[in-house]
Amino acid sequence: MPTRTYKISNGRVNGWIDDLEAMRQAVEKILLTERFEWVIYSDNYGIEIQELIGNDFDLIQSEIERVVGEALLADERIESVDNFDLQQTDRSSLLFSFTVLTVFGEINMEQEVVA
């Protein structure tokens, strides 16, 4: 599947990107889009993170790998999601980092979830 797409920078289209840079943008967009929330996207696109918000920290910590993996592996260009590192930054937020292996190379990602 081709990756050439518009480059989104500060909410504006700003040229073109391809390959690994386009995959990074695709991963970020998947992680920012709640699954089943927007009719423009198929049921396979996005992440189900809202169901975790407000739950016990231990539950969020145990489910985050599964939720992120399911969301990203729906894209056939993504081969694996590994190396999760989870840290509770305060009583109500979780910072996690992970590695996404794509057909174009490896992407290191970091995201925060507020419980």
Protein backbone atom coordinates (compact mmCIF):
# COMPACT_ATOMS: atom_id res chain seq x y z
CA MET A 1 0.00 0.00 0.00
CA PRO A 2 1.49 3.39 -0.93
CA THR A 3 2.28 5.88 1.81
CA ARG A 4 2.61 9.16 -0.08
CA THR A 5 0.22 11.54 1.63
CA TYR A 6 -0.28 15.13 2.71
CA LYS A 7 1.97 16.35 5.49
CA ILE A 8 -0.07 17.73 8.36
CA SER A 9 1.81 20.31 10.40
CA ASN A 10 0.13 22.38 13.12
CA GLY A 11 -3.28 21.46 11.75
CA ARG A 12 -2.46 22.55 8.21
CA VAL A 13 -1.56 20.66 5.06
CA ASN A 14 2.06 21.50 4.32
CA GLY A 15 3.45 19.54 1.36
CA TRP A 16 3.94 15.82 0.94
CA ILE A 17 5.52 13.00 2.94
CA ASP A 18 6.26 9.36 2.17
CA ASP A 19 7.58 6.11 3.67
CA LEU A 20 8.65 6.24 7.35
CA GLU A 21 7.61 9.85 7.94
CA ALA A 22 4.16 9.10 6.49
CA MET A 23 3.90 6.01 8.70
CA ARG A 24 4.73 8.07 11.80
CA GLN A 25 1.92 10.45 10.89
CA ALA A 26 -0.45 7.50 10.26
CA VAL A 27 0.37 5.99 13.68
CA GLU A 28 -0.18 9.33 15.41
CA LYS A 29 -3.52 9.79 13.65
CA ILE A 30 -4.70 6.28 14.55
CA LEU A 31 -3.84 6.92 18.20
CA LEU A 32 -5.74 10.23 18.18
CA THR A 33 -8.91 8.84 16.56
CA GLU A 34 -11.42 7.09 18.78
CA ARG A 35 -12.75 3.96 17.06
CA PHE A 36 -16.48 3.88 16.18
CA GLU A 37 -16.77 7.63 16.92
CA TRP A 38 -16.59 9.01 13.38
CA VAL A 39 -18.70 7.66 10.49
CA ILE A 40 -16.05 8.71 7.95
CA TYR A 41 -13.74 5.91 9.20
CA SER A 42 -14.28 2.16 8.97
CA ASP A 43 -14.78 0.12 12.13
CA ASN A 44 -11.16 -1.05 11.80
CA TYR A 45 -9.69 2.45 12.14
CA GLY A 46 -8.75 4.14 15.40
CA ILE A 47 -8.24 3.18 19.02
CA GLU A 48 -10.64 2.28 21.82
CA ILE A 49 -8.97 4.32 24.54
CA GLN A 50 -12.03 6.12 25.93
CA GLU A 51 -13.30 2.91 27.51
CA LEU A 52 -10.21 2.90 29.72
CA ILE A 53 -10.53 6.48 30.97
CA GLY A 54 -11.79 6.68 34.52
CA ASN A 55 -10.89 3.08 35.36
CA ASP A 56 -8.46 1.88 37.97
CA PHE A 57 -4.82 2.53 37.05
CA ASP A 58 -3.98 -1.19 37.25
CA LEU A 59 -6.70 -1.99 34.70
CA ILE A 60 -5.46 0.70 32.32
CA GLN A 61 -1.91 -0.53 32.69
CA SER A 62 -2.91 -4.12 31.92
CA GLU A 63 -5.05 -3.20 28.88
CA ILE A 64 -2.99 -0.50 27.16
CA GLU A 65 -0.74 -2.91 25.23
CA ARG A 66 -3.72 -4.81 23.86
CA VAL A 67 -5.66 -1.68 22.89
CA VAL A 68 -2.70 -0.01 21.17
CA GLY A 69 -1.68 -3.24 19.43
CA GLU A 70 -5.17 -3.89 18.08
CA ALA A 71 -5.47 -0.33 16.80
CA LEU A 72 -2.13 -0.25 15.00
CA LEU A 73 -2.00 -3.79 13.66
CA ALA A 74 -5.19 -3.14 11.67
CA ASP A 75 -2.89 -1.25 9.26
CA GLU A 76 -1.26 -3.87 7.01
CA ARG A 77 1.93 -1.79 6.77
CA ILE A 78 2.55 -2.28 10.50
CA GLU A 79 4.28 -5.56 11.33
CA SER A 80 4.51 -5.38 15.13
CA VAL A 81 4.08 -3.20 18.20
CA ASP A 82 6.65 -4.03 20.88
CA ASN A 83 8.83 -2.81 23.74
CA PHE A 84 6.11 -1.21 25.86
CA ASP A 85 7.34 0.82 28.79
CA LEU A 86 4.64 2.11 31.16
CA GLN A 87 5.13 4.75 33.83
CA GLN A 88 2.59 6.32 36.12
CA THR A 89 3.48 10.03 36.03
CA ASP A 90 1.08 11.03 38.78
CA ARG A 91 -2.11 9.66 40.36
CA SER A 92 -4.17 10.19 37.21
CA SER A 93 -1.94 9.73 34.18
CA LEU A 94 0.07 7.02 32.49
CA LEU A 95 2.96 7.70 30.13
CA PHE A 96 3.78 4.85 27.82
CA SER A 97 6.31 4.36 25.08
CA PHE A 98 6.58 1.61 22.50
CA THR A 99 8.17 0.67 19.19
CA VAL A 100 6.23 0.23 15.96
CA LEU A 101 7.88 -1.90 13.30
CA THR A 102 6.60 -0.99 9.84
CA VAL A 103 7.50 -2.17 6.35
CA PHE A 104 9.53 1.05 6.08
CA GLY A 105 11.41 0.80 9.38
CA GLU A 106 11.05 1.35 13.10
CA ILE A 107 9.21 4.19 14.85
CA ASN A 108 9.57 4.98 18.56
CA MET A 109 6.39 6.46 19.98
CA GLU A 110 5.33 7.98 23.28
CA GLN A 111 1.83 8.85 24.49
CA GLU A 112 0.08 9.82 27.68
CA VAL A 113 -3.31 8.64 28.92
CA VAL A 114 -5.12 10.50 31.67
CA ALA A 115 -7.17 8.20 33.85
